[in-house]
Each structure stands twice: as structure tokens, then as C-alpha cells.
Amino acid sequence: MKRPDKRVVTIVILLLACLLPFVANNYWLDVATLALLYIVLGQGLNVVVGYAGLLDLGFAAFFAVGAYTTGILMTAYGWSFWLTLPVAALFGAIIGIVIGAPTLRLRSDYLAIVTLGFGEIIRILAINLEITGSASGIYGIPKPTIGGYVLSGQKDFYFAILILAILAVIAVSRLGNSRLGRAWAYIREDEDAAEAMGINRIKTKLLAYMIGAVIGCLGGSIFAVKMSAIAPLSFSFMQSIMILLAVVLGGLGSISGVAIGAVLIVALPEALRFADDWRYLIFGLALIVMMIYRPQGIWPARYEAEQPAEADEHAVRDKNMSA
């Protein structure tokens, strides 16, 4: 069966996304906005985990850095939201270098432990530093403006985060198809073989970590102005797990899969509210069943989900080349 054209599917999804605020009530619009934010964060972590194969258990730290950078600059120094975005991205890149340079030489479980510790360090600093508002956080963050128009309504932030999600998807997709993306794939599959081919594995992994950090910080910045208040509780270890879950559930290295995974982890618990206290148990069981019967993810990356006809075609081509 001929698969639908990818561009047509993309256009239809975008049209539905643009129409959603006009048909959904405020509750589901807020859920959809949160799902879009998770798509942004998931794409950032997808670069680190899906493309480069680096297990990161502290990604919420970059989310926190972006949120606190924007919150502090806007409340304490009167900056415009749009001016805080490049500063937040720069801080994310710098922290990515500072943390990644000495730790990315580690592999697998050791790297996961270090990133977990980094995430907890950022959260504890936010609790104890006066500039971050200590445990109470930062309140009264102004809403962003475009000209004389103030972005304050749910629809405003829905479309703002939708644009950020589209930009994140485009950027991550282009990176995955670039020379750098192929280098990440080689490192993910076999670091030693990649290094033998002339790829600087430390530098290449560091670039993945930096890019993921920048996307995470931008997501944190827009989260801060949407909520108007931020606190350390919003950037806990569980937040990192939820973002990682979106990537793994959707499919490592898959742009569409991560988007689907992000929507599911946000929408499914809300759809199960009728089950009251049982909803998270049902949600957890559904995830377990999913991982047992679909370990590669809902929508795996192309190299993991090659169609049988395409596989036969490649096999014939390889056979002819060897002959």
C-alpha cells in the first residue's frame, strides 16, 4: 500500500493544530499547550539521547536555567522577554560546555549518574539562592509584548509555543539529516569505530549536549512567562523522567515519534481522570505494556522501521553490488 505523502500529512496536522484553539475549551487548550511545551523539550532531549545516544537523567536542569534566567532578568532588571531568549540560550550553551566537557568522556550508567546529579544540583541551588527566590521561587513575571499587544490569553501562549515547537522540529530534523547528525549516529552505534573513522567523539557529543541544552533553555523561558511564576518544584527529577519518557515512548531519534510521545504523556493522564486515584496506575500499566510489545517506540526512526519492501530492495541492491 502506498504511504501518504509526508508533506500532505504535515500540512493537515498543522491545520488541525491551528484550528484546535477555536474548538477546544480552556481546559483542553491548556493541556494542548503543555503538550506542545513537552514537544519542544522532547526534541531537545532527542538530540542528546536519540541522536547521540547519551543517557541524560537531568535535562530538567536546562529547563530550569532558561526559566530562571528569563524570570530574573524580567523581574529584577526589567528586560523584555525577547531579549532574554538569546541570553537564556547562551547560558544553556555555556553550562552545557562546563558540565559536558569533563563528563561526556563517561559512558552509559556513569554518564546517567552524573547528569542526574547535575539536575539535582541546579534544583538545590534554586532552593537556596536568594536571587532565585529560594524555595518560594519568582512571582510576578511580566507577560511578553509584541508592539503594543500583550500576550496574556491561553490562545496567545498556545500559538507562541506552537511556533517554538515547529522551529524546534525543523531545527532538529535538519540536524539529524546533516553531516553532524550522521556523526552522532556513528557515535551512538559504536564510539570506538566512529573515532577510528576520524570523528572527534568528545567534540561531537559536546555539540549534541549544547544544542539540547539550548532548546531546553528556550522551552524554560517561555514556560516562565506563561506561568508568571516559577518554583524549584517545577524542575524536579520527575520532570526529567517525563521528558525522557516522551522520547523513549515515541521512538529514539524519531522526530514524529517524540511529538506523539509528548502528546501521550500529557493527554493520557488527563483523559484517565474519570478513574480518580487509579489513573496513574492505569497510565503506568499502559506504559509497561507498550514497552513490552513495542520496545522500539510508537513511531520509531526510519532506520528502525524500514518497510519490508524497502528492505528487500536494499538487499537486492547489495547483492548486485557484491556480484
C-alpha atoms as a PDB file:
ATOM      1  CA  MET A   1       0.000   0.000   0.000  1.00  0.00           C
ATOM      2  CA  LYS A   2       1.318   3.414  -0.940  1.00  0.00           C
ATOM      3  CA  ARG A   3       2.024   5.576   2.083  1.00  0.00           C
ATOM      4  CA  PRO A   4       0.556   9.119   2.192  1.00  0.00           C
ATOM      5  CA  ASP A   5       2.824  11.949   1.167  1.00  0.00           C
ATOM      6  CA  LYS A   6       4.738  13.256   4.188  1.00  0.00           C
ATOM      7  CA  ARG A   7       4.172  16.889   3.213  1.00  0.00           C
ATOM      8  CA  VAL A   8       0.420  16.403   2.962  1.00  0.00           C
ATOM      9  CA  VAL A   9       0.305  14.775   6.411  1.00  0.00           C
ATOM     10  CA  THR A  10       2.397  17.625   7.862  1.00  0.00           C
ATOM     11  CA  ILE A  11       0.101  20.287   6.385  1.00  0.00           C
ATOM     12  CA  VAL A  12      -3.014  18.526   7.711  1.00  0.00           C
ATOM     13  CA  ILE A  13      -1.503  18.259  11.215  1.00  0.00           C
ATOM     14  CA  LEU A  14      -0.543  21.945  11.196  1.00  0.00           C
ATOM     15  CA  LEU A  15      -4.028  22.970  10.075  1.00  0.00           C
ATOM     16  CA  LEU A  16      -5.610  20.892  12.845  1.00  0.00           C
ATOM     17  CA  ALA A  17      -3.192  22.383  15.369  1.00  0.00           C
ATOM     18  CA  CYS A  18      -4.122  25.902  14.265  1.00  0.00           C
ATOM     19  CA  LEU A  19      -7.856  25.136  14.454  1.00  0.00           C
ATOM     20  CA  LEU A  20      -7.691  23.483  17.883  1.00  0.00           C
ATOM     21  CA  PRO A  21      -7.857  26.701  19.994  1.00  0.00           C
ATOM     22  CA  PHE A  22     -11.145  27.644  18.316  1.00  0.00           C
ATOM     23  CA  VAL A  23     -12.924  24.357  19.075  1.00  0.00           C
ATOM     24  CA  ALA A  24     -11.388  23.241  22.402  1.00  0.00           C
ATOM     25  CA  ASN A  25     -12.438  24.532  25.803  1.00  0.00           C
ATOM     26  CA  ASN A  26      -9.955  26.279  28.114  1.00  0.00           C
ATOM     27  CA  TYR A  27      -9.080  23.097  29.984  1.00  0.00           C
ATOM     28  CA  TRP A  28      -8.091  21.065  26.925  1.00  0.00           C
ATOM     29  CA  LEU A  29      -6.414  24.087  25.374  1.00  0.00           C
ATOM     30  CA  ASP A  30      -4.171  24.289  28.442  1.00  0.00           C
ATOM     31  CA  VAL A  31      -3.433  20.555  28.111  1.00  0.00           C
ATOM     32  CA  ALA A  32      -2.575  21.037  24.425  1.00  0.00           C
ATOM     33  CA  THR A  33      -0.256  23.938  25.295  1.00  0.00           C
ATOM     34  CA  LEU A  34       1.565  21.795  27.858  1.00  0.00           C
ATOM     35  CA  ALA A  35       1.851  19.009  25.261  1.00  0.00           C
ATOM     36  CA  LEU A  36       3.463  21.459  22.811  1.00  0.00           C
ATOM     37  CA  LEU A  37       5.929  22.508  25.506  1.00  0.00           C
ATOM     38  CA  TYR A  38       6.846  18.856  26.045  1.00  0.00           C
ATOM     39  CA  ILE A  39       7.350  18.515  22.297  1.00  0.00           C
ATOM     40  CA  VAL A  40       9.923  21.328  22.464  1.00  0.00           C
ATOM     41  CA  LEU A  41      11.702  19.780  25.444  1.00  0.00           C
ATOM     42  CA  GLY A  42      11.452  16.299  23.950  1.00  0.00           C
ATOM     43  CA  GLN A  43      13.102  17.425  20.718  1.00  0.00           C
ATOM     44  CA  GLY A  44      15.952  18.943  22.716  1.00  0.00           C
ATOM     45  CA  LEU A  45      16.485  15.712  24.643  1.00  0.00           C
ATOM     46  CA  ASN A  46      16.072  13.725  21.420  1.00  0.00           C
ATOM     47  CA  VAL A  47      19.281  15.303  20.123  1.00  0.00           C
ATOM     48  CA  VAL A  48      21.126  14.101  23.224  1.00  0.00           C
ATOM     49  CA  VAL A  49      19.553  10.669  23.758  1.00  0.00           C
ATOM     50  CA  GLY A  50      18.075   9.751  20.376  1.00  0.00           C
ATOM     51  CA  TYR A  51      20.756  11.088  18.030  1.00  0.00           C
ATOM     52  CA  ALA A  52      23.950  10.905  20.080  1.00  0.00           C
ATOM     53  CA  GLY A  53      22.975   8.035  22.388  1.00  0.00           C
ATOM     54  CA  LEU A  54      23.816   9.905  25.625  1.00  0.00           C
ATOM     55  CA  LEU A  55      21.599   8.936  28.551  1.00  0.00           C
ATOM     56  CA  ASP A  56      20.658  12.190  30.287  1.00  0.00           C
ATOM     57  CA  LEU A  57      18.623  11.999  33.513  1.00  0.00           C
ATOM     58  CA  GLY A  58      18.920  15.683  34.410  1.00  0.00           C
ATOM     59  CA  PHE A  59      17.500  17.504  31.402  1.00  0.00           C
ATOM     60  CA  ALA A  60      15.083  19.461  33.590  1.00  0.00           C
ATOM     61  CA  ALA A  61      18.149  21.406  34.781  1.00  0.00           C
ATOM     62  CA  PHE A  62      18.347  23.240  31.442  1.00  0.00           C
ATOM     63  CA  PHE A  63      14.597  23.798  31.561  1.00  0.00           C
ATOM     64  CA  ALA A  64      15.171  25.447  34.954  1.00  0.00           C
ATOM     65  CA  VAL A  65      18.139  27.537  33.749  1.00  0.00           C
ATOM     66  CA  GLY A  66      16.057  29.036  30.939  1.00  0.00           C
ATOM     67  CA  ALA A  67      13.073  29.726  33.194  1.00  0.00           C
ATOM     68  CA  TYR A  68      15.124  31.355  35.958  1.00  0.00           C
ATOM     69  CA  THR A  69      17.220  33.391  33.504  1.00  0.00           C
ATOM     70  CA  THR A  70      14.098  34.892  31.964  1.00  0.00           C
ATOM     71  CA  GLY A  71      12.371  35.298  35.327  1.00  0.00           C
ATOM     72  CA  ILE A  72      15.313  37.073  36.970  1.00  0.00           C
ATOM     73  CA  LEU A  73      16.074  39.370  34.031  1.00  0.00           C
ATOM     74  CA  MET A  74      12.434  40.419  33.627  1.00  0.00           C
ATOM     75  CA  THR A  75      11.536  40.918  37.299  1.00  0.00           C
ATOM     76  CA  ALA A  76      14.802  42.263  38.722  1.00  0.00           C
ATOM     77  CA  TYR A  77      16.182  44.173  35.739  1.00  0.00           C
ATOM     78  CA  GLY A  78      13.131  44.996  33.620  1.00  0.00           C
ATOM     79  CA  TRP A  79      14.297  43.225  30.473  1.00  0.00           C
ATOM     80  CA  SER A  80      11.992  42.478  27.574  1.00  0.00           C
ATOM     81  CA  PHE A  81      11.119  38.802  27.189  1.00  0.00           C
ATOM     82  CA  TRP A  82      12.505  38.699  23.659  1.00  0.00           C
ATOM     83  CA  LEU A  83      15.892  39.968  24.840  1.00  0.00           C
ATOM     84  CA  THR A  84      16.089  37.254  27.492  1.00  0.00           C
ATOM     85  CA  LEU A  85      15.791  34.459  24.906  1.00  0.00           C
ATOM     86  CA  PRO A  86      19.327  34.769  23.441  1.00  0.00           C
ATOM     87  CA  VAL A  87      20.749  35.211  26.953  1.00  0.00           C
ATOM     88  CA  ALA A  88      18.977  32.050  28.147  1.00  0.00           C
ATOM     89  CA  ALA A  89      20.222  30.162  25.081  1.00  0.00           C
ATOM     90  CA  LEU A  90      23.763  31.427  25.711  1.00  0.00           C
ATOM     91  CA  PHE A  91      23.645  30.370  29.361  1.00  0.00           C
ATOM     92  CA  GLY A  92      22.403  26.956  28.284  1.00  0.00           C
ATOM     93  CA  ALA A  93      25.291  26.553  25.837  1.00  0.00           C
ATOM     94  CA  ILE A  94      27.862  27.690  28.417  1.00  0.00           C
ATOM     95  CA  ILE A  95      26.506  25.385  31.124  1.00  0.00           C
ATOM     96  CA  GLY A  96      26.379  22.583  28.553  1.00  0.00           C
ATOM     97  CA  ILE A  97      30.087  23.088  27.884  1.00  0.00           C
ATOM     98  CA  VAL A  98      31.025  23.415  31.567  1.00  0.00           C
ATOM     99  CA  ILE A  99      29.119  20.263  32.547  1.00  0.00           C
ATOM    100  CA  GLY A 100      29.622  18.282  29.366  1.00  0.00           C
ATOM    101  CA  ALA A 101      33.342  18.783  28.743  1.00  0.00           C
ATOM    102  CA  PRO A 102      34.554  16.789  31.780  1.00  0.00           C
ATOM    103  CA  THR A 103      31.653  14.312  31.950  1.00  0.00           C
ATOM    104  CA  LEU A 104      30.986  13.260  28.361  1.00  0.00           C
ATOM    105  CA  ARG A 105      34.093  11.068  28.442  1.00  0.00           C
ATOM    106  CA  LEU A 106      31.996   8.780  30.612  1.00  0.00           C
ATOM    107  CA  ARG A 107      29.586   6.248  29.126  1.00  0.00           C
ATOM    108  CA  SER A 108      26.224   4.607  29.832  1.00  0.00           C
ATOM    109  CA  ASP A 109      25.379   4.301  33.550  1.00  0.00           C
ATOM    110  CA  TYR A 110      28.203   6.565  34.713  1.00  0.00           C
ATOM    111  CA  LEU A 111      27.053   9.390  32.470  1.00  0.00           C
ATOM    112  CA  ALA A 112      23.456   8.904  33.620  1.00  0.00           C
ATOM    113  CA  ILE A 113      24.505   9.234  37.285  1.00  0.00           C
ATOM    114  CA  VAL A 114      26.460  12.436  36.581  1.00  0.00           C
ATOM    115  CA  THR A 115      23.573  14.056  34.685  1.00  0.00           C
ATOM    116  CA  LEU A 116      21.189  13.042  37.472  1.00  0.00           C
ATOM    117  CA  GLY A 117      23.471  14.743  39.983  1.00  0.00           C
ATOM    118  CA  PHE A 118      23.690  17.853  37.817  1.00  0.00           C
ATOM    119  CA  GLY A 119      19.910  18.120  37.669  1.00  0.00           C
ATOM    120  CA  GLU A 120      19.635  17.879  41.448  1.00  0.00           C
ATOM    121  CA  ILE A 121      22.419  20.435  41.950  1.00  0.00           C
ATOM    122  CA  ILE A 122      20.570  23.014  39.849  1.00  0.00           C
ATOM    123  CA  ARG A 123      17.333  22.383  41.748  1.00  0.00           C
ATOM    124  CA  ILE A 124      19.044  22.674  45.152  1.00  0.00           C
ATOM    125  CA  LEU A 125      20.786  25.887  44.081  1.00  0.00           C
ATOM    126  CA  ALA A 126      17.413  27.306  43.063  1.00  0.00           C
ATOM    127  CA  ILE A 127      16.058  26.464  46.520  1.00  0.00           C
ATOM    128  CA  ASN A 128      18.954  28.085  48.400  1.00  0.00           C
ATOM    129  CA  LEU A 129      19.932  31.144  46.353  1.00  0.00           C
ATOM    130  CA  GLU A 130      18.301  34.458  47.166  1.00  0.00           C
ATOM    131  CA  ILE A 131      18.342  35.648  43.562  1.00  0.00           C
ATOM    132  CA  THR A 132      16.123  32.719  42.542  1.00  0.00           C
ATOM    133  CA  GLY A 133      13.597  33.452  45.285  1.00  0.00           C
ATOM    134  CA  SER A 134      14.711  30.452  47.353  1.00  0.00           C
ATOM    135  CA  ALA A 135      12.031  27.798  47.883  1.00  0.00           C
ATOM    136  CA  SER A 136       9.235  30.271  47.079  1.00  0.00           C
ATOM    137  CA  GLY A 137      10.532  30.924  43.573  1.00  0.00           C
ATOM    138  CA  ILE A 138       9.913  34.001  41.442  1.00  0.00           C
ATOM    139  CA  TYR A 139       6.469  35.566  41.106  1.00  0.00           C
ATOM    140  CA  GLY A 140       5.001  38.377  39.031  1.00  0.00           C
ATOM    141  CA  ILE A 141       6.914  37.638  35.828  1.00  0.00           C
ATOM    142  CA  PRO A 142       5.540  40.100  33.225  1.00  0.00           C
ATOM    143  CA  LYS A 143       3.809  38.892  30.089  1.00  0.00           C
ATOM    144  CA  PRO A 144       5.663  39.389  26.785  1.00  0.00           C
ATOM    145  CA  THR A 145       4.531  42.032  24.331  1.00  0.00           C
ATOM    146  CA  ILE A 146       4.611  42.353  20.549  1.00  0.00           C
ATOM    147  CA  GLY A 147       4.419  46.036  19.727  1.00  0.00           C
ATOM    148  CA  GLY A 148       1.591  47.203  21.931  1.00  0.00           C
ATOM    149  CA  TYR A 149      -0.108  43.816  22.172  1.00  0.00           C
ATOM    150  CA  VAL A 150       0.353  41.837  25.392  1.00  0.00           C
ATOM    151  CA  LEU A 151       0.453  38.042  25.117  1.00  0.00           C
ATOM    152  CA  SER A 152      -1.745  37.068  28.028  1.00  0.00           C
ATOM    153  CA  GLY A 153      -4.532  34.744  26.922  1.00  0.00           C
ATOM    154  CA  GLN A 154      -4.395  30.963  26.565  1.00  0.00           C
ATOM    155  CA  LYS A 155      -4.647  31.203  22.780  1.00  0.00           C
ATOM    156  CA  ASP A 156      -1.708  33.630  22.682  1.00  0.00           C
ATOM    157  CA  PHE A 157       0.607  31.248  24.500  1.00  0.00           C
ATOM    158  CA  TYR A 158      -0.726  28.255  22.601  1.00  0.00           C
ATOM    159  CA  PHE A 159       0.305  29.800  19.292  1.00  0.00           C
ATOM    160  CA  ALA A 160       3.591  31.116  20.715  1.00  0.00           C
ATOM    161  CA  ILE A 161       4.598  27.652  21.939  1.00  0.00           C
ATOM    162  CA  LEU A 162       3.281  26.101  18.708  1.00  0.00           C
ATOM    163  CA  ILE A 163       5.682  28.306  16.736  1.00  0.00           C
ATOM    164  CA  LEU A 164       8.550  27.350  19.062  1.00  0.00           C
ATOM    165  CA  ALA A 165       7.655  23.657  18.659  1.00  0.00           C
ATOM    166  CA  ILE A 166       7.629  23.977  14.853  1.00  0.00           C
ATOM    167  CA  LEU A 167      11.023  25.702  14.903  1.00  0.00           C
ATOM    168  CA  ALA A 168      12.427  23.021  17.241  1.00  0.00           C
ATOM    169  CA  VAL A 169      11.143  20.226  14.991  1.00  0.00           C
ATOM    170  CA  ILE A 170      12.599  21.850  11.867  1.00  0.00           C
ATOM    171  CA  ALA A 171      15.961  22.509  13.529  1.00  0.00           C
ATOM    172  CA  VAL A 172      16.297  19.006  14.985  1.00  0.00           C
ATOM    173  CA  SER A 173      15.174  17.416  11.703  1.00  0.00           C
ATOM    174  CA  ARG A 174      17.760  19.373   9.707  1.00  0.00           C
ATOM    175  CA  LEU A 175      20.454  18.493  12.222  1.00  0.00           C
ATOM    176  CA  GLY A 176      19.570  14.807  12.012  1.00  0.00           C
ATOM    177  CA  ASN A 177      19.971  14.832   8.229  1.00  0.00           C
ATOM    178  CA  SER A 178      23.219  16.795   8.311  1.00  0.00           C
ATOM    179  CA  ARG A 179      26.824  15.648   8.412  1.00  0.00           C
ATOM    180  CA  LEU A 180      26.825  16.297  12.154  1.00  0.00           C
ATOM    181  CA  GLY A 181      23.713  14.144  12.523  1.00  0.00           C
ATOM    182  CA  ARG A 182      25.434  11.252  10.754  1.00  0.00           C
ATOM    183  CA  ALA A 183      28.413  11.653  13.082  1.00  0.00           C
ATOM    184  CA  TRP A 184      26.046  11.417  16.064  1.00  0.00           C
ATOM    185  CA  ALA A 185      24.551   8.245  14.597  1.00  0.00           C
ATOM    186  CA  TYR A 186      28.012   6.664  14.216  1.00  0.00           C
ATOM    187  CA  ILE A 187      28.876   7.545  17.817  1.00  0.00           C
ATOM    188  CA  ARG A 188      25.563   6.192  19.062  1.00  0.00           C
ATOM    189  CA  GLU A 189      26.123   2.860  17.344  1.00  0.00           C
ATOM    190  CA  ASP A 190      29.846   2.433  18.138  1.00  0.00           C
ATOM    191  CA  GLU A 191      32.032   5.145  19.650  1.00  0.00           C
ATOM    192  CA  ASP A 192      35.300   3.316  19.065  1.00  0.00           C
ATOM    193  CA  ALA A 193      34.534   2.647  15.410  1.00  0.00           C
ATOM    194  CA  ALA A 194      33.456   6.267  14.941  1.00  0.00           C
ATOM    195  CA  GLU A 195      36.706   7.507  16.471  1.00  0.00           C
ATOM    196  CA  ALA A 196      38.671   5.149  14.218  1.00  0.00           C
ATOM    197  CA  MET A 197      36.923   6.790  11.232  1.00  0.00           C
ATOM    198  CA  GLY A 198      38.276  10.169  12.310  1.00  0.00           C
ATOM    199  CA  ILE A 199      35.282  11.536  14.250  1.00  0.00           C
ATOM    200  CA  ASN A 200      36.185  13.534  17.355  1.00  0.00           C
ATOM    201  CA  ARG A 201      33.750  11.824  19.685  1.00  0.00           C
ATOM    202  CA  ILE A 202      34.143  14.247  22.616  1.00  0.00           C
ATOM    203  CA  LYS A 203      33.598  17.343  20.480  1.00  0.00           C
ATOM    204  CA  THR A 204      30.692  15.748  18.597  1.00  0.00           C
ATOM    205  CA  LYS A 205      28.952  14.610  21.787  1.00  0.00           C
ATOM    206  CA  LEU A 206      29.535  18.023  23.348  1.00  0.00           C
ATOM    207  CA  LEU A 207      27.779  19.688  20.407  1.00  0.00           C
ATOM    208  CA  ALA A 208      24.774  17.420  20.932  1.00  0.00           C
ATOM    209  CA  TYR A 209      24.712  18.278  24.635  1.00  0.00           C
ATOM    210  CA  MET A 210      24.971  22.021  23.916  1.00  0.00           C
ATOM    211  CA  ILE A 211      22.219  22.019  21.288  1.00  0.00           C
ATOM    212  CA  GLY A 212      19.911  20.040  23.549  1.00  0.00           C
ATOM    213  CA  ALA A 213      20.652  22.476  26.384  1.00  0.00           C
ATOM    214  CA  VAL A 214      19.821  25.500  24.214  1.00  0.00           C
ATOM    215  CA  ILE A 215      16.446  24.044  23.197  1.00  0.00           C
ATOM    216  CA  GLY A 216      15.695  23.128  26.810  1.00  0.00           C
ATOM    217  CA  CYS A 217      16.505  26.666  27.984  1.00  0.00           C
ATOM    218  CA  LEU A 218      14.249  28.247  25.351  1.00  0.00           C
ATOM    219  CA  GLY A 219      11.426  25.987  26.495  1.00  0.00           C
ATOM    220  CA  GLY A 220      12.056  27.104  30.085  1.00  0.00           C
ATOM    221  CA  SER A 221      11.966  30.784  29.098  1.00  0.00           C
ATOM    222  CA  ILE A 222       8.536  30.604  27.509  1.00  0.00           C
ATOM    223  CA  PHE A 223       7.290  28.451  30.392  1.00  0.00           C
ATOM    224  CA  ALA A 224       8.279  31.198  32.849  1.00  0.00           C
ATOM    225  CA  VAL A 225       6.261  33.932  31.125  1.00  0.00           C
ATOM    226  CA  LYS A 226       3.300  31.651  30.537  1.00  0.00           C
ATOM    227  CA  MET A 227       3.008  30.708  34.207  1.00  0.00           C
ATOM    228  CA  SER A 228       4.057  34.160  35.532  1.00  0.00           C
ATOM    229  CA  ALA A 229       5.632  32.292  38.464  1.00  0.00           C
ATOM    230  CA  ILE A 230       8.266  29.584  38.784  1.00  0.00           C
ATOM    231  CA  ALA A 231       9.465  27.487  41.721  1.00  0.00           C
ATOM    232  CA  PRO A 232      12.055  24.705  42.172  1.00  0.00           C
ATOM    233  CA  LEU A 233       9.282  22.112  42.420  1.00  0.00           C
ATOM    234  CA  SER A 234       8.584  22.564  38.693  1.00  0.00           C
ATOM    235  CA  PHE A 235      12.072  21.294  37.791  1.00  0.00           C
ATOM    236  CA  SER A 236      12.331  18.112  39.820  1.00  0.00           C
ATOM    237  CA  PHE A 237      13.835  14.777  38.804  1.00  0.00           C
ATOM    238  CA  MET A 238      10.343  13.591  37.829  1.00  0.00           C
ATOM    239  CA  GLN A 239      10.235  16.328  35.195  1.00  0.00           C
ATOM    240  CA  SER A 240      13.405  14.926  33.628  1.00  0.00           C
ATOM    241  CA  ILE A 241      11.888  11.444  33.655  1.00  0.00           C
ATOM    242  CA  MET A 242       8.709  12.634  31.948  1.00  0.00           C
ATOM    243  CA  ILE A 243      10.691  14.315  29.176  1.00  0.00           C
ATOM    244  CA  LEU A 244      12.838  11.200  28.745  1.00  0.00           C
ATOM    245  CA  LEU A 245       9.679   9.094  28.705  1.00  0.00           C
ATOM    246  CA  ALA A 246       8.308  11.129  25.786  1.00  0.00           C
ATOM    247  CA  VAL A 247      11.485  10.382  23.802  1.00  0.00           C
ATOM    248  CA  VAL A 248      11.644   6.668  24.625  1.00  0.00           C
ATOM    249  CA  LEU A 249       7.904   6.077  24.271  1.00  0.00           C
ATOM    250  CA  GLY A 250       7.708   7.843  20.926  1.00  0.00           C
ATOM    251  CA  GLY A 251      10.891   6.369  19.476  1.00  0.00           C
ATOM    252  CA  LEU A 252      14.542   7.280  19.955  1.00  0.00           C
ATOM    253  CA  GLY A 253      15.793   9.505  17.169  1.00  0.00           C
ATOM    254  CA  SER A 254      12.320   9.920  15.664  1.00  0.00           C
ATOM    255  CA  ILE A 255      11.009  13.476  15.241  1.00  0.00           C
ATOM    256  CA  SER A 256       7.386  12.397  14.793  1.00  0.00           C
ATOM    257  CA  GLY A 257       7.695   9.742  17.485  1.00  0.00           C
ATOM    258  CA  VAL A 258       8.881  12.228  20.108  1.00  0.00           C
ATOM    259  CA  ALA A 259       5.958  14.525  19.264  1.00  0.00           C
ATOM    260  CA  ILE A 260       3.497  11.639  19.648  1.00  0.00           C
ATOM    261  CA  GLY A 261       5.145  10.549  22.896  1.00  0.00           C
ATOM    262  CA  ALA A 262       4.948  14.086  24.308  1.00  0.00           C
ATOM    263  CA  VAL A 263       1.243  14.341  23.488  1.00  0.00           C
ATOM    264  CA  LEU A 264       0.530  10.954  25.066  1.00  0.00           C
ATOM    265  CA  ILE A 265       2.311  11.530  28.369  1.00  0.00           C
ATOM    266  CA  VAL A 266       0.414  14.805  28.822  1.00  0.00           C
ATOM    267  CA  ALA A 267      -3.005  13.883  27.427  1.00  0.00           C
ATOM    268  CA  LEU A 268      -3.364  10.288  28.642  1.00  0.00           C
ATOM    269  CA  PRO A 269      -3.324  11.050  32.421  1.00  0.00           C
ATOM    270  CA  GLU A 270      -5.860  13.817  31.795  1.00  0.00           C
ATOM    271  CA  ALA A 271      -8.091  11.508  29.754  1.00  0.00           C
ATOM    272  CA  LEU A 272      -7.983   9.000  32.645  1.00  0.00           C
ATOM    273  CA  ARG A 273      -9.247  11.469  35.258  1.00  0.00           C
ATOM    274  CA  PHE A 274     -12.509   9.541  35.431  1.00  0.00           C
ATOM    275  CA  ALA A 275     -10.517   6.792  37.211  1.00  0.00           C
ATOM    276  CA  ASP A 276      -9.657   9.184  40.083  1.00  0.00           C
ATOM    277  CA  ASP A 277      -6.807   7.770  42.189  1.00  0.00           C
ATOM    278  CA  TRP A 278      -6.341   4.827  39.826  1.00  0.00           C
ATOM    279  CA  ARG A 279      -5.450   6.894  36.792  1.00  0.00           C
ATOM    280  CA  TYR A 280      -1.680   6.907  37.351  1.00  0.00           C
ATOM    281  CA  LEU A 281      -1.715   3.174  38.000  1.00  0.00           C
ATOM    282  CA  ILE A 282      -3.557   2.641  34.709  1.00  0.00           C
ATOM    283  CA  PHE A 283      -1.160   5.050  32.982  1.00  0.00           C
ATOM    284  CA  GLY A 284       1.856   3.164  34.352  1.00  0.00           C
ATOM    285  CA  LEU A 285       0.461  -0.220  33.313  1.00  0.00           C
ATOM    286  CA  ALA A 286      -0.225   1.126  29.822  1.00  0.00           C
ATOM    287  CA  LEU A 287       3.401   2.269  29.558  1.00  0.00           C
ATOM    288  CA  ILE A 288       4.666  -1.138  30.708  1.00  0.00           C
ATOM    289  CA  VAL A 289       2.518  -2.939  28.131  1.00  0.00           C
ATOM    290  CA  MET A 290       3.699  -0.505  25.487  1.00  0.00           C
ATOM    291  CA  MET A 291       7.365  -1.091  26.263  1.00  0.00           C
ATOM    292  CA  ILE A 292       6.895  -4.873  26.238  1.00  0.00           C
ATOM    293  CA  TYR A 293       5.110  -5.087  22.914  1.00  0.00           C
ATOM    294  CA  ARG A 294       6.622  -2.039  21.213  1.00  0.00           C
ATOM    295  CA  PRO A 295      10.121  -1.585  22.675  1.00  0.00           C
ATOM    296  CA  GLN A 296      11.309   0.459  19.684  1.00  0.00           C
ATOM    297  CA  GLY A 297       8.641   3.117  20.378  1.00  0.00           C
ATOM    298  CA  ILE A 298       5.319   4.086  18.869  1.00  0.00           C
ATOM    299  CA  TRP A 299       6.846   5.723  15.799  1.00  0.00           C
ATOM    300  CA  PRO A 300      10.460   4.524  15.537  1.00  0.00           C
ATOM    301  CA  ALA A 301      13.080   6.265  13.464  1.00  0.00           C
ATOM    302  CA  ARG A 302      13.324   5.324   9.794  1.00  0.00           C
ATOM    303  CA  TYR A 303      16.364   3.113  10.261  1.00  0.00           C
ATOM    304  CA  GLU A 304      14.459   1.119  12.908  1.00  0.00           C
ATOM    305  CA  ALA A 305      11.193   0.801  10.980  1.00  0.00           C
ATOM    306  CA  GLU A 306      12.202   0.061   7.434  1.00  0.00           C
ATOM    307  CA  GLN A 307       9.338  -1.296   5.364  1.00  0.00           C
ATOM    308  CA  PRO A 308       9.689  -4.927   4.164  1.00  0.00           C
ATOM    309  CA  ALA A 309       9.517  -3.888   0.512  1.00  0.00           C
ATOM    310  CA  GLU A 310      12.274  -1.339   1.045  1.00  0.00           C
ATOM    311  CA  ALA A 311      14.354  -3.908   2.925  1.00  0.00           C
ATOM    312  CA  ASP A 312      14.040  -6.373   0.009  1.00  0.00           C
ATOM    313  CA  GLU A 313      15.013  -3.632  -2.425  1.00  0.00           C
ATOM    314  CA  HIS A 314      18.127  -2.785  -0.399  1.00  0.00           C
ATOM    315  CA  ALA A 315      19.017  -6.473  -0.141  1.00  0.00           C
ATOM    316  CA  VAL A 316      18.810  -6.900  -3.923  1.00  0.00           C
ATOM    317  CA  ARG A 317      20.907  -3.787  -4.449  1.00  0.00           C
ATOM    318  CA  ASP A 318      23.570  -5.001  -2.009  1.00  0.00           C
ATOM    319  CA  LYS A 319      23.622  -8.407  -3.712  1.00  0.00           C
ATOM    320  CA  ASN A 320      24.111  -6.845  -7.142  1.00  0.00           C
ATOM    321  CA  MET A 321      26.900  -4.629  -5.823  1.00  0.00           C
ATOM    322  CA  SER A 322      28.694  -7.598  -4.254  1.00  0.00           C
ATOM    323  CA  ALA A 323      28.362  -9.570  -7.509  1.00  0.00           C
END
